[in-house]
């Protein structure tokens, strides 16, 4: 069974467009390669496709829309970036790391940004 069929069977008529994009990428490549592309595990992809993901879907949606659907947001510091890149920086903003100037700058910017909900979203 294709990943698209699996998603449609699990989600029914309410299947979101980003789940279809995820399923199509799995069919085009593989579930494991798709997981690597979005920076998550194959089991994460599987639970999303089968509508068994128990955490909030907002972070997962941002990752898929950014990595697979090329959706961008405008960051006040970096300019136009993928939604998945924004999510990566927001996660890092949960704790301060004095690794380099960009990390410090993004820590400060992300913690002031209305998109950030404390660094652990998604």
PDB file of N, CA and C in Angstrom:
ATOM      1  N   UNK A   1       0.853  -1.176   0.000  1.00  0.00           N
ATOM      2  CA  UNK A   1       0.000   0.000   0.000  1.00  0.00           C
ATOM      3  C   UNK A   1       0.900   1.240   0.000  1.00  0.00           C
ATOM      4  N   UNK A   2       0.540   2.218  -0.792  1.00  0.00           N
ATOM      5  CA  UNK A   2       1.334   3.449  -0.863  1.00  0.00           C
ATOM      6  C   UNK A   2       1.126   4.278   0.403  1.00  0.00           C
ATOM      7  N   UNK A   3       2.051   5.156   0.661  1.00  0.00           N
ATOM      8  CA  UNK A   3       1.959   6.032   1.833  1.00  0.00           C
ATOM      9  C   UNK A   3       0.760   6.969   1.721  1.00  0.00           C
ATOM     10  N   UNK A   4       0.449   7.398   0.504  1.00  0.00           N
ATOM     11  CA  UNK A   4      -0.717   8.273   0.304  1.00  0.00           C
ATOM     12  C   UNK A   4      -1.995   7.522   0.669  1.00  0.00           C
ATOM     13  N   UNK A   5      -2.107   6.270   0.248  1.00  0.00           N
ATOM     14  CA  UNK A   5      -3.280   5.453   0.596  1.00  0.00           C
ATOM     15  C   UNK A   5      -3.359   5.239   2.105  1.00  0.00           C
ATOM     16  N   UNK A   6      -2.223   4.983   2.723  1.00  0.00           N
ATOM     17  CA  UNK A   6      -2.174   4.800   4.177  1.00  0.00           C
ATOM     18  C   UNK A   6      -2.673   6.054   4.890  1.00  0.00           C
ATOM     19  N   UNK A   7      -2.202   7.209   4.448  1.00  0.00           N
ATOM     20  CA  UNK A   7      -2.607   8.475   5.066  1.00  0.00           C
ATOM     21  C   UNK A   7      -4.098   8.732   4.865  1.00  0.00           C
ATOM     22  N   UNK A   8      -4.574   8.505   3.662  1.00  0.00           N
ATOM     23  CA  UNK A   8      -6.005   8.746   3.387  1.00  0.00           C
ATOM     24  C   UNK A   8      -6.889   7.793   4.187  1.00  0.00           C
ATOM     25  N   UNK A   9      -6.436   6.563   4.340  1.00  0.00           N
ATOM     26  CA  UNK A   9      -7.201   5.588   5.117  1.00  0.00           C
ATOM     27  C   UNK A   9      -7.255   5.991   6.592  1.00  0.00           C
ATOM     28  N   UNK A  10      -6.138   6.456   7.126  1.00  0.00           N
ATOM     29  CA  UNK A  10      -6.075   6.830   8.542  1.00  0.00           C
ATOM     30  C   UNK A  10      -6.776   8.154   8.829  1.00  0.00           C
ATOM     31  N   UNK A  11      -6.574   9.143   7.973  1.00  0.00           N
ATOM     32  CA  UNK A  11      -7.093  10.487   8.209  1.00  0.00           C
ATOM     33  C   UNK A  11      -8.501  10.694   7.659  1.00  0.00           C
ATOM     34  N   UNK A  12      -8.915   9.868   6.715  1.00  0.00           N
ATOM     35  CA  UNK A  12     -10.225  10.038   6.104  1.00  0.00           C
ATOM     36  C   UNK A  12     -10.277  11.258   5.208  1.00  0.00           C
ATOM     37  N   UNK A  13     -11.437  11.861   5.113  1.00  0.00           N
ATOM     38  CA  UNK A  13     -11.635  13.011   4.228  1.00  0.00           C
ATOM     39  C   UNK A  13     -10.934  14.267   4.752  1.00  0.00           C
ATOM     40  N   UNK A  14     -10.548  14.254   6.021  1.00  0.00           N
ATOM     41  CA  UNK A  14      -9.939  15.432   6.644  1.00  0.00           C
ATOM     42  C   UNK A  14      -8.419  15.462   6.545  1.00  0.00           C
ATOM     43  N   UNK A  15      -7.840  14.663   5.659  1.00  0.00           N
ATOM     44  CA  UNK A  15      -6.377  14.597   5.573  1.00  0.00           C
ATOM     45  C   UNK A  15      -5.811  15.965   5.176  1.00  0.00           C
ATOM     46  N   UNK A  16      -4.921  16.526   6.011  1.00  0.00           N
ATOM     47  CA  UNK A  16      -4.340  17.839   5.699  1.00  0.00           C
ATOM     48  C   UNK A  16      -3.405  17.770   4.490  1.00  0.00           C
ATOM     49  N   UNK A  17      -3.247  18.892   3.816  1.00  0.00           N
ATOM     50  CA  UNK A  17      -2.384  18.935   2.634  1.00  0.00           C
ATOM     51  C   UNK A  17      -0.937  18.610   2.968  1.00  0.00           C
ATOM     52  N   UNK A  18      -0.489  18.964   4.158  1.00  0.00           N
ATOM     53  CA  UNK A  18       0.897  18.698   4.519  1.00  0.00           C
ATOM     54  C   UNK A  18       1.139  17.217   4.798  1.00  0.00           C
ATOM     55  N   UNK A  19       0.116  16.503   5.235  1.00  0.00           N
ATOM     56  CA  UNK A  19       0.237  15.044   5.409  1.00  0.00           C
ATOM     57  C   UNK A  19       0.331  14.386   4.036  1.00  0.00           C
ATOM     58  N   UNK A  20      -0.449  14.874   3.081  1.00  0.00           N
ATOM     59  CA  UNK A  20      -0.365  14.351   1.708  1.00  0.00           C
ATOM     60  C   UNK A  20       1.019  14.620   1.134  1.00  0.00           C
ATOM     61  N   UNK A  21       1.567  15.801   1.378  1.00  0.00           N
ATOM     62  CA  UNK A  21       2.920  16.117   0.895  1.00  0.00           C
ATOM     63  C   UNK A  21       3.947  15.171   1.511  1.00  0.00           C
ATOM     64  N   UNK A  22       3.796  14.884   2.789  1.00  0.00           N
ATOM     65  CA  UNK A  22       4.687  13.945   3.473  1.00  0.00           C
ATOM     66  C   UNK A  22       4.562  12.550   2.866  1.00  0.00           C
ATOM     67  N   UNK A  23       3.339  12.113   2.634  1.00  0.00           N
ATOM     68  CA  UNK A  23       3.103  10.788   2.056  1.00  0.00           C
ATOM     69  C   UNK A  23       3.651  10.684   0.637  1.00  0.00           C
ATOM     70  N   UNK A  24       3.460  11.725  -0.152  1.00  0.00           N
ATOM     71  CA  UNK A  24       3.978  11.712  -1.525  1.00  0.00           C
ATOM     72  C   UNK A  24       5.495  11.629  -1.542  1.00  0.00           C
ATOM     73  N   UNK A  25       6.136  12.325  -0.607  1.00  0.00           N
ATOM     74  CA  UNK A  25       7.598  12.257  -0.525  1.00  0.00           C
ATOM     75  C   UNK A  25       8.046  10.854  -0.114  1.00  0.00           C
ATOM     76  N   UNK A  26       7.305  10.221   0.778  1.00  0.00           N
ATOM     77  CA  UNK A  26       7.612   8.834   1.159  1.00  0.00           C
ATOM     78  C   UNK A  26       7.477   7.903  -0.036  1.00  0.00           C
ATOM     79  N   UNK A  27       6.446   8.104  -0.840  1.00  0.00           N
ATOM     80  CA  UNK A  27       6.258   7.277  -2.039  1.00  0.00           C
ATOM     81  C   UNK A  27       7.338   7.556  -3.073  1.00  0.00           C
ATOM     82  N   UNK A  28       7.754   8.798  -3.176  1.00  0.00           N
ATOM     83  CA  UNK A  28       8.765   9.170  -4.166  1.00  0.00           C
ATOM     84  C   UNK A  28      10.141   8.620  -3.793  1.00  0.00           C
ATOM     85  N   UNK A  29      10.478   8.687  -2.512  1.00  0.00           N
ATOM     86  CA  UNK A  29      11.792   8.212  -2.065  1.00  0.00           C
ATOM     87  C   UNK A  29      11.589   6.991  -1.176  1.00  0.00           C
ATOM     88  N   UNK A  30      11.579   7.185   0.102  1.00  0.00           N
ATOM     89  CA  UNK A  30      11.257   6.146   1.085  1.00  0.00           C
ATOM     90  C   UNK A  30      10.911   6.854   2.385  1.00  0.00           C
ATOM     91  N   UNK A  31      10.322   6.112   3.292  1.00  0.00           N
ATOM     92  CA  UNK A  31       9.962   6.708   4.577  1.00  0.00           C
ATOM     93  C   UNK A  31      11.218   7.131   5.335  1.00  0.00           C
ATOM     94  N   UNK A  32      12.257   6.318   5.272  1.00  0.00           N
ATOM     95  CA  UNK A  32      13.502   6.630   5.971  1.00  0.00           C
ATOM     96  C   UNK A  32      14.179   7.873   5.383  1.00  0.00           C
ATOM     97  N   UNK A  33      14.234   7.970   4.065  1.00  0.00           N
ATOM     98  CA  UNK A  33      14.843   9.145   3.429  1.00  0.00           C
ATOM     99  C   UNK A  33      14.035  10.403   3.700  1.00  0.00           C
ATOM    100  N   UNK A  34      12.719  10.269   3.703  1.00  0.00           N
ATOM    101  CA  UNK A  34      11.859  11.409   4.020  1.00  0.00           C
ATOM    102  C   UNK A  34      12.110  11.876   5.450  1.00  0.00           C
ATOM    103  N   UNK A  35      12.222  10.929   6.362  1.00  0.00           N
ATOM    104  CA  UNK A  35      12.493  11.267   7.759  1.00  0.00           C
ATOM    105  C   UNK A  35      13.811  12.016   7.888  1.00  0.00           C
ATOM    106  N   UNK A  36      14.836  11.557   7.197  1.00  0.00           N
ATOM    107  CA  UNK A  36      16.129  12.242   7.236  1.00  0.00           C
ATOM    108  C   UNK A  36      16.015  13.648   6.668  1.00  0.00           C
ATOM    109  N   UNK A  37      15.235  13.789   5.611  1.00  0.00           N
ATOM    110  CA  UNK A  37      15.090  15.102   4.973  1.00  0.00           C
ATOM    111  C   UNK A  37      14.434  16.116   5.902  1.00  0.00           C
ATOM    112  N   UNK A  38      13.481  15.663   6.705  1.00  0.00           N
ATOM    113  CA  UNK A  38      12.811  16.591   7.621  1.00  0.00           C
ATOM    114  C   UNK A  38      13.479  16.624   8.997  1.00  0.00           C
ATOM    115  N   UNK A  39      14.520  15.822   9.178  1.00  0.00           N
ATOM    116  CA  UNK A  39      15.259  15.841  10.431  1.00  0.00           C
ATOM    117  C   UNK A  39      14.581  15.119  11.577  1.00  0.00           C
ATOM    118  N   UNK A  40      13.788  14.129  11.260  1.00  0.00           N
ATOM    119  CA  UNK A  40      13.079  13.351  12.282  1.00  0.00           C
ATOM    120  C   UNK A  40      13.294  11.867  12.030  1.00  0.00           C
ATOM    121  N   UNK A  41      12.706  11.031  12.844  1.00  0.00           N
ATOM    122  CA  UNK A  41      12.867   9.584  12.702  1.00  0.00           C
ATOM    123  C   UNK A  41      11.800   9.005  11.774  1.00  0.00           C
ATOM    124  N   UNK A  42      12.077   7.805  11.275  1.00  0.00           N
ATOM    125  CA  UNK A  42      11.108   7.117  10.421  1.00  0.00           C
ATOM    126  C   UNK A  42       9.842   6.785  11.206  1.00  0.00           C
ATOM    127  N   UNK A  43       9.974   6.487  12.490  1.00  0.00           N
ATOM    128  CA  UNK A  43       8.789   6.193  13.300  1.00  0.00           C
ATOM    129  C   UNK A  43       7.920   7.436  13.478  1.00  0.00           C
ATOM    130  N   UNK A  44       8.546   8.607  13.535  1.00  0.00           N
ATOM    131  CA  UNK A  44       7.803   9.867  13.596  1.00  0.00           C
ATOM    132  C   UNK A  44       6.942  10.019  12.342  1.00  0.00           C
ATOM    133  N   UNK A  45       7.549   9.773  11.183  1.00  0.00           N
ATOM    134  CA  UNK A  45       6.826   9.868   9.911  1.00  0.00           C
ATOM    135  C   UNK A  45       5.685   8.857   9.886  1.00  0.00           C
ATOM    136  N   UNK A  46       5.961   7.645  10.313  1.00  0.00           N
ATOM    137  CA  UNK A  46       4.950   6.590  10.318  1.00  0.00           C
ATOM    138  C   UNK A  46       3.754   6.952  11.193  1.00  0.00           C
ATOM    139  N   UNK A  47       4.018   7.463  12.392  1.00  0.00           N
ATOM    140  CA  UNK A  47       2.908   7.815  13.279  1.00  0.00           C
ATOM    141  C   UNK A  47       2.094   8.985  12.734  1.00  0.00           C
ATOM    142  N   UNK A  48       2.744   9.905  12.040  1.00  0.00           N
ATOM    143  CA  UNK A  48       1.997  11.001  11.413  1.00  0.00           C
ATOM    144  C   UNK A  48       1.092  10.480  10.311  1.00  0.00           C
ATOM    145  N   UNK A  49       1.648   9.642   9.447  1.00  0.00           N
ATOM    146  CA  UNK A  49       0.863   9.117   8.329  1.00  0.00           C
ATOM    147  C   UNK A  49      -0.334   8.310   8.814  1.00  0.00           C
ATOM    148  N   UNK A  50      -0.166   7.600   9.918  1.00  0.00           N
ATOM    149  CA  UNK A  50      -1.226   6.743  10.447  1.00  0.00           C
ATOM    150  C   UNK A  50      -2.124   7.451  11.471  1.00  0.00           C
ATOM    151  N   UNK A  51      -1.907   8.752  11.643  1.00  0.00           N
ATOM    152  CA  UNK A  51      -2.687   9.584  12.574  1.00  0.00           C
ATOM    153  C   UNK A  51      -2.619   9.041  13.998  1.00  0.00           C
ATOM    154  N   UNK A  52      -1.428   8.615  14.393  1.00  0.00           N
ATOM    155  CA  UNK A  52      -1.221   8.094  15.741  1.00  0.00           C
ATOM    156  C   UNK A  52      -0.272   8.969  16.553  1.00  0.00           C
ATOM    157  N   UNK A  53       0.106  10.105  16.018  1.00  0.00           N
ATOM    158  CA  UNK A  53       1.032  10.998  16.708  1.00  0.00           C
ATOM    159  C   UNK A  53       0.285  11.658  17.852  1.00  0.00           C
ATOM    160  N   UNK A  54       0.743  11.434  19.084  1.00  0.00           N
ATOM    161  CA  UNK A  54      -0.013  11.883  20.254  1.00  0.00           C
ATOM    162  C   UNK A  54       0.303  13.315  20.698  1.00  0.00           C
ATOM    163  N   UNK A  55       1.429  13.849  20.271  1.00  0.00           N
ATOM    164  CA  UNK A  55       1.772  15.227  20.645  1.00  0.00           C
ATOM    165  C   UNK A  55       1.046  16.208  19.721  1.00  0.00           C
ATOM    166  N   UNK A  56       1.210  17.483  19.972  1.00  0.00           N
ATOM    167  CA  UNK A  56       0.599  18.495  19.119  1.00  0.00           C
ATOM    168  C   UNK A  56       1.163  18.437  17.708  1.00  0.00           C
ATOM    169  N   UNK A  57       0.337  18.708  16.738  1.00  0.00           N
ATOM    170  CA  UNK A  57       0.737  18.606  15.336  1.00  0.00           C
ATOM    171  C   UNK A  57       1.359  19.884  14.782  1.00  0.00           C
ATOM    172  N   UNK A  58       1.328  20.978  15.535  1.00  0.00           N
ATOM    173  CA  UNK A  58       1.802  22.258  15.011  1.00  0.00           C
ATOM    174  C   UNK A  58       3.274  22.208  14.602  1.00  0.00           C
ATOM    175  N   UNK A  59       4.108  21.669  15.460  1.00  0.00           N
ATOM    176  CA  UNK A  59       5.538  21.578  15.153  1.00  0.00           C
ATOM    177  C   UNK A  59       5.811  20.656  13.981  1.00  0.00           C
ATOM    178  N   UNK A  60       5.106  19.532  13.952  1.00  0.00           N
ATOM    179  CA  UNK A  60       5.264  18.586  12.844  1.00  0.00           C
ATOM    180  C   UNK A  60       4.846  19.240  11.532  1.00  0.00           C
ATOM    181  N   UNK A  61       3.756  19.980  11.567  1.00  0.00           N
ATOM    182  CA  UNK A  61       3.285  20.669  10.365  1.00  0.00           C
ATOM    183  C   UNK A  61       4.316  21.689   9.883  1.00  0.00           C
ATOM    184  N   UNK A  62       4.904  22.433  10.810  1.00  0.00           N
ATOM    185  CA  UNK A  62       5.916  23.431  10.426  1.00  0.00           C
ATOM    186  C   UNK A  62       7.115  22.772   9.760  1.00  0.00           C
ATOM    187  N   UNK A  63       7.553  21.640  10.308  1.00  0.00           N
ATOM    188  CA  UNK A  63       8.702  20.935   9.744  1.00  0.00           C
ATOM    189  C   UNK A  63       8.395  20.473   8.326  1.00  0.00           C
ATOM    190  N   UNK A  64       7.243  19.864   8.127  1.00  0.00           N
ATOM    191  CA  UNK A  64       6.874  19.351   6.802  1.00  0.00           C
ATOM    192  C   UNK A  64       6.677  20.496   5.822  1.00  0.00           C
ATOM    193  N   UNK A  65       5.960  21.527   6.235  1.00  0.00           N
ATOM    194  CA  UNK A  65       5.726  22.661   5.325  1.00  0.00           C
ATOM    195  C   UNK A  65       7.031  23.347   4.935  1.00  0.00           C
ATOM    196  N   UNK A  66       7.952  23.458   5.860  1.00  0.00           N
ATOM    197  CA  UNK A  66       9.226  24.104   5.557  1.00  0.00           C
ATOM    198  C   UNK A  66      10.146  23.240   4.721  1.00  0.00           C
ATOM    199  N   UNK A  67      10.300  21.980   5.108  1.00  0.00           N
ATOM    200  CA  UNK A  67      11.265  21.099   4.439  1.00  0.00           C
ATOM    201  C   UNK A  67      10.749  20.531   3.121  1.00  0.00           C
ATOM    202  N   UNK A  68       9.472  20.192   3.056  1.00  0.00           N
ATOM    203  CA  UNK A  68       8.952  19.525   1.858  1.00  0.00           C
ATOM    204  C   UNK A  68       8.116  20.426   0.959  1.00  0.00           C
ATOM    205  N   UNK A  69       7.493  21.441   1.529  1.00  0.00           N
ATOM    206  CA  UNK A  69       6.605  22.291   0.746  1.00  0.00           C
ATOM    207  C   UNK A  69       7.221  23.664   0.481  1.00  0.00           C
ATOM    208  N   UNK A  70       8.446  23.858   0.910  1.00  0.00           N
ATOM    209  CA  UNK A  70       9.207  25.097   0.678  1.00  0.00           C
ATOM    210  C   UNK A  70       8.486  26.353   1.151  1.00  0.00           C
ATOM    211  N   UNK A  71       7.756  26.242   2.256  1.00  0.00           N
ATOM    212  CA  UNK A  71       7.086  27.420   2.801  1.00  0.00           C
ATOM    213  C   UNK A  71       8.060  28.191   3.680  1.00  0.00           C
ATOM    214  N   UNK A  72       8.065  29.484   3.514  1.00  0.00           N
ATOM    215  CA  UNK A  72       8.978  30.357   4.242  1.00  0.00           C
ATOM    216  C   UNK A  72       8.230  31.283   5.179  1.00  0.00           C
ATOM    217  N   UNK A  73       8.957  31.783   6.155  1.00  0.00           N
ATOM    218  CA  UNK A  73       8.483  32.861   7.018  1.00  0.00           C
ATOM    219  C   UNK A  73       9.546  33.950   6.965  1.00  0.00           C
ATOM    220  N   UNK A  74       9.205  35.135   7.426  1.00  0.00           N
ATOM    221  CA  UNK A  74      10.184  36.218   7.456  1.00  0.00           C
ATOM    222  C   UNK A  74      10.673  36.374   8.890  1.00  0.00           C
ATOM    223  N   UNK A  75      11.930  36.055   9.078  1.00  0.00           N
ATOM    224  CA  UNK A  75      12.590  36.193  10.379  1.00  0.00           C
ATOM    225  C   UNK A  75      13.136  37.614  10.477  1.00  0.00           C
ATOM    226  N   UNK A  76      12.933  38.293  11.606  1.00  0.00           N
ATOM    227  CA  UNK A  76      13.453  39.651  11.742  1.00  0.00           C
ATOM    228  C   UNK A  76      14.981  39.724  11.675  1.00  0.00           C
ATOM    229  N   UNK A  77      15.654  38.619  11.922  1.00  0.00           N
ATOM    230  CA  UNK A  77      17.119  38.602  11.912  1.00  0.00           C
ATOM    231  C   UNK A  77      17.669  38.009  10.622  1.00  0.00           C
ATOM    232  N   UNK A  78      17.140  36.857  10.201  1.00  0.00           N
ATOM    233  CA  UNK A  78      17.693  36.138   9.052  1.00  0.00           C
ATOM    234  C   UNK A  78      16.986  36.425   7.733  1.00  0.00           C
ATOM    235  N   UNK A  79      15.846  37.091   7.783  1.00  0.00           N
ATOM    236  CA  UNK A  79      15.081  37.333   6.561  1.00  0.00           C
ATOM    237  C   UNK A  79      14.205  36.130   6.242  1.00  0.00           C
ATOM    238  N   UNK A  80      13.988  35.864   4.965  1.00  0.00           N
ATOM    239  CA  UNK A  80      13.131  34.747   4.552  1.00  0.00           C
ATOM    240  C   UNK A  80      13.859  33.426   4.799  1.00  0.00           C
ATOM    241  N   UNK A  81      13.241  32.586   5.643  1.00  0.00           N
ATOM    242  CA  UNK A  81      13.802  31.268   5.949  1.00  0.00           C
ATOM    243  C   UNK A  81      12.679  30.243   5.921  1.00  0.00           C
ATOM    244  N   UNK A  82      13.027  28.996   5.743  1.00  0.00           N
ATOM    245  CA  UNK A  82      12.041  27.922   5.785  1.00  0.00           C
ATOM    246  C   UNK A  82      11.441  27.800   7.178  1.00  0.00           C
ATOM    247  N   UNK A  83      10.198  27.363   7.224  1.00  0.00           N
ATOM    248  CA  UNK A  83       9.537  27.205   8.516  1.00  0.00           C
ATOM    249  C   UNK A  83      10.279  26.210   9.395  1.00  0.00           C
ATOM    250  N   UNK A  84      10.868  25.196   8.771  1.00  0.00           N
ATOM    251  CA  UNK A  84      11.617  24.197   9.537  1.00  0.00           C
ATOM    252  C   UNK A  84      12.895  24.795  10.133  1.00  0.00           C
ATOM    253  N   UNK A  85      13.490  25.763   9.441  1.00  0.00           N
ATOM    254  CA  UNK A  85      14.687  26.438   9.963  1.00  0.00           C
ATOM    255  C   UNK A  85      14.293  27.302  11.162  1.00  0.00           C
ATOM    256  N   UNK A  86      13.175  27.991  11.043  1.00  0.00           N
ATOM    257  CA  UNK A  86      12.658  28.797  12.152  1.00  0.00           C
ATOM    258  C   UNK A  86      12.422  27.901  13.374  1.00  0.00           C
ATOM    259  N   UNK A  87      11.795  26.760  13.161  1.00  0.00           N
ATOM    260  CA  UNK A  87      11.521  25.842  14.262  1.00  0.00           C
ATOM    261  C   UNK A  87      12.815  25.361  14.914  1.00  0.00           C
ATOM    262  N   UNK A  88      13.823  25.087  14.101  1.00  0.00           N
ATOM    263  CA  UNK A  88      15.124  24.649  14.631  1.00  0.00           C
ATOM    264  C   UNK A  88      15.711  25.718  15.557  1.00  0.00           C
ATOM    265  N   UNK A  89      15.682  26.975  15.117  1.00  0.00           N
ATOM    266  CA  UNK A  89      16.213  28.056  15.943  1.00  0.00           C
ATOM    267  C   UNK A  89      15.363  28.264  17.192  1.00  0.00           C
ATOM    268  N   UNK A  90      14.045  28.142  17.074  1.00  0.00           N
ATOM    269  CA  UNK A  90      13.173  28.303  18.244  1.00  0.00           C
ATOM    270  C   UNK A  90      13.459  27.230  19.284  1.00  0.00           C
ATOM    271  N   UNK A  91      13.716  26.015  18.837  1.00  0.00           N
ATOM    272  CA  UNK A  91      14.069  24.943  19.783  1.00  0.00           C
ATOM    273  C   UNK A  91      15.377  25.255  20.499  1.00  0.00           C
ATOM    274  N   UNK A  92      16.342  25.745  19.743  1.00  0.00           N
ATOM    275  CA  UNK A  92      17.638  26.081  20.344  1.00  0.00           C
ATOM    276  C   UNK A  92      17.511  27.229  21.334  1.00  0.00           C
ATOM    277  N   UNK A  93      16.528  28.090  21.152  1.00  0.00           N
ATOM    278  CA  UNK A  93      16.345  29.250  22.026  1.00  0.00           C
ATOM    279  C   UNK A  93      15.846  28.863  23.410  1.00  0.00           C
ATOM    280  N   UNK A  94      15.545  27.603  23.611  1.00  0.00           N
ATOM    281  CA  UNK A  94      15.097  27.145  24.921  1.00  0.00           C
ATOM    282  C   UNK A  94      16.172  27.238  25.990  1.00  0.00           C
ATOM    283  N   UNK A  95      17.420  27.162  25.566  1.00  0.00           N
ATOM    284  CA  UNK A  95      18.526  27.290  26.519  1.00  0.00           C
ATOM    285  C   UNK A  95      19.655  28.087  25.870  1.00  0.00           C
ATOM    286  N   UNK A  96      20.326  28.867  26.677  1.00  0.00           N
ATOM    287  CA  UNK A  96      21.395  29.727  26.172  1.00  0.00           C
ATOM    288  C   UNK A  96      22.658  28.913  25.925  1.00  0.00           C
ATOM    289  N   UNK A  97      23.250  29.091  24.734  1.00  0.00           N
ATOM    290  CA  UNK A  97      24.524  28.467  24.393  1.00  0.00           C
ATOM    291  C   UNK A  97      25.419  29.543  23.789  1.00  0.00           C
ATOM    292  N   UNK A  98      26.530  29.793  24.427  1.00  0.00           N
ATOM    293  CA  UNK A  98      27.463  30.802  23.934  1.00  0.00           C
ATOM    294  C   UNK A  98      28.460  30.141  22.975  1.00  0.00           C
ATOM    295  N   UNK A  99      27.935  29.513  21.928  1.00  0.00           N
ATOM    296  CA  UNK A  99      28.761  28.789  20.962  1.00  0.00           C
ATOM    297  C   UNK A  99      29.427  29.754  19.995  1.00  0.00           C
ATOM    298  N   UNK A 100      28.619  30.653  19.449  1.00  0.00           N
ATOM    299  CA  UNK A 100      29.146  31.668  18.541  1.00  0.00           C
ATOM    300  C   UNK A 100      28.180  32.851  18.530  1.00  0.00           C
ATOM    301  N   UNK A 101      28.558  33.886  17.828  1.00  0.00           N
ATOM    302  CA  UNK A 101      27.758  35.116  17.821  1.00  0.00           C
ATOM    303  C   UNK A 101      26.361  34.891  17.252  1.00  0.00           C
ATOM    304  N   UNK A 102      26.247  34.039  16.240  1.00  0.00           N
ATOM    305  CA  UNK A 102      24.929  33.802  15.648  1.00  0.00           C
ATOM    306  C   UNK A 102      23.997  33.103  16.638  1.00  0.00           C
ATOM    307  N   UNK A 103      24.499  32.154  17.398  1.00  0.00           N
ATOM    308  CA  UNK A 103      23.667  31.480  18.400  1.00  0.00           C
ATOM    309  C   UNK A 103      23.155  32.469  19.441  1.00  0.00           C
ATOM    310  N   UNK A 104      24.025  33.340  19.891  1.00  0.00           N
ATOM    311  CA  UNK A 104      23.633  34.341  20.885  1.00  0.00           C
ATOM    312  C   UNK A 104      22.588  35.281  20.291  1.00  0.00           C
ATOM    313  N   UNK A 105      22.829  35.748  19.077  1.00  0.00           N
ATOM    314  CA  UNK A 105      21.903  36.657  18.405  1.00  0.00           C
ATOM    315  C   UNK A 105      20.535  35.991  18.210  1.00  0.00           C
ATOM    316  N   UNK A 106      20.532  34.725  17.780  1.00  0.00           N
ATOM    317  CA  UNK A 106      19.268  34.030  17.548  1.00  0.00           C
ATOM    318  C   UNK A 106      18.571  33.684  18.862  1.00  0.00           C
ATOM    319  N   UNK A 107      19.320  33.383  19.900  1.00  0.00           N
ATOM    320  CA  UNK A 107      18.724  33.134  21.215  1.00  0.00           C
ATOM    321  C   UNK A 107      17.915  34.350  21.649  1.00  0.00           C
ATOM    322  N   UNK A 108      18.527  35.515  21.527  1.00  0.00           N
ATOM    323  CA  UNK A 108      17.848  36.754  21.929  1.00  0.00           C
ATOM    324  C   UNK A 108      16.655  37.055  21.031  1.00  0.00           C
ATOM    325  N   UNK A 109      16.853  36.924  19.725  1.00  0.00           N
ATOM    326  CA  UNK A 109      15.783  37.250  18.776  1.00  0.00           C
ATOM    327  C   UNK A 109      14.606  36.290  18.914  1.00  0.00           C
ATOM    328  N   UNK A 110      14.884  35.003  19.003  1.00  0.00           N
ATOM    329  CA  UNK A 110      13.805  34.015  19.087  1.00  0.00           C
ATOM    330  C   UNK A 110      12.994  34.165  20.369  1.00  0.00           C
ATOM    331  N   UNK A 111      13.655  34.492  21.455  1.00  0.00           N
ATOM    332  CA  UNK A 111      12.925  34.647  22.712  1.00  0.00           C
ATOM    333  C   UNK A 111      12.084  35.914  22.761  1.00  0.00           C
ATOM    334  N   UNK A 112      12.312  36.831  21.834  1.00  0.00           N
ATOM    335  CA  UNK A 112      11.479  38.034  21.721  1.00  0.00           C
ATOM    336  C   UNK A 112      10.404  37.888  20.648  1.00  0.00           C
ATOM    337  N   UNK A 113      10.531  36.873  19.831  1.00  0.00           N
ATOM    338  CA  UNK A 113       9.642  36.698  18.682  1.00  0.00           C
ATOM    339  C   UNK A 113       8.291  36.124  19.117  1.00  0.00           C
ATOM    340  N   UNK A 114       7.197  36.642  18.576  1.00  0.00           N
ATOM    341  CA  UNK A 114       5.878  36.114  18.936  1.00  0.00           C
ATOM    342  C   UNK A 114       5.639  34.682  18.446  1.00  0.00           C
ATOM    343  N   UNK A 115       6.425  34.211  17.473  1.00  0.00           N
ATOM    344  CA  UNK A 115       6.279  32.829  16.997  1.00  0.00           C
ATOM    345  C   UNK A 115       6.816  31.819  18.006  1.00  0.00           C
ATOM    346  N   UNK A 116       7.708  32.253  18.873  1.00  0.00           N
ATOM    347  CA  UNK A 116       8.363  31.353  19.829  1.00  0.00           C
ATOM    348  C   UNK A 116       7.486  31.171  21.063  1.00  0.00           C
ATOM    349  N   UNK A 117       7.293  29.920  21.442  1.00  0.00           N
ATOM    350  CA  UNK A 117       6.497  29.633  22.640  1.00  0.00           C
ATOM    351  C   UNK A 117       7.367  29.012  23.722  1.00  0.00           C
ATOM    352  N   UNK A 118       8.614  29.435  23.784  1.00  0.00           N
ATOM    353  CA  UNK A 118       9.485  28.959  24.844  1.00  0.00           C
ATOM    354  C   UNK A 118      10.565  28.008  24.398  1.00  0.00           C
ATOM    355  N   UNK A 119      10.740  27.825  23.100  1.00  0.00           N
ATOM    356  CA  UNK A 119      11.833  27.014  22.607  1.00  0.00           C
ATOM    357  C   UNK A 119      11.524  25.550  22.463  1.00  0.00           C
ATOM    358  N   UNK A 120      10.381  25.080  22.966  1.00  0.00           N
ATOM    359  CA  UNK A 120      10.106  23.649  22.915  1.00  0.00           C
ATOM    360  C   UNK A 120       8.905  23.325  22.038  1.00  0.00           C
ATOM    361  N   UNK A 121       8.505  24.243  21.175  1.00  0.00           N
ATOM    362  CA  UNK A 121       7.345  23.979  20.326  1.00  0.00           C
ATOM    363  C   UNK A 121       7.718  23.019  19.213  1.00  0.00           C
ATOM    364  N   UNK A 122       6.823  22.091  18.938  1.00  0.00           N
ATOM    365  CA  UNK A 122       7.040  21.136  17.868  1.00  0.00           C
ATOM    366  C   UNK A 122       7.635  19.911  18.379  1.00  0.00           C
TER     367      UNK A 122
END
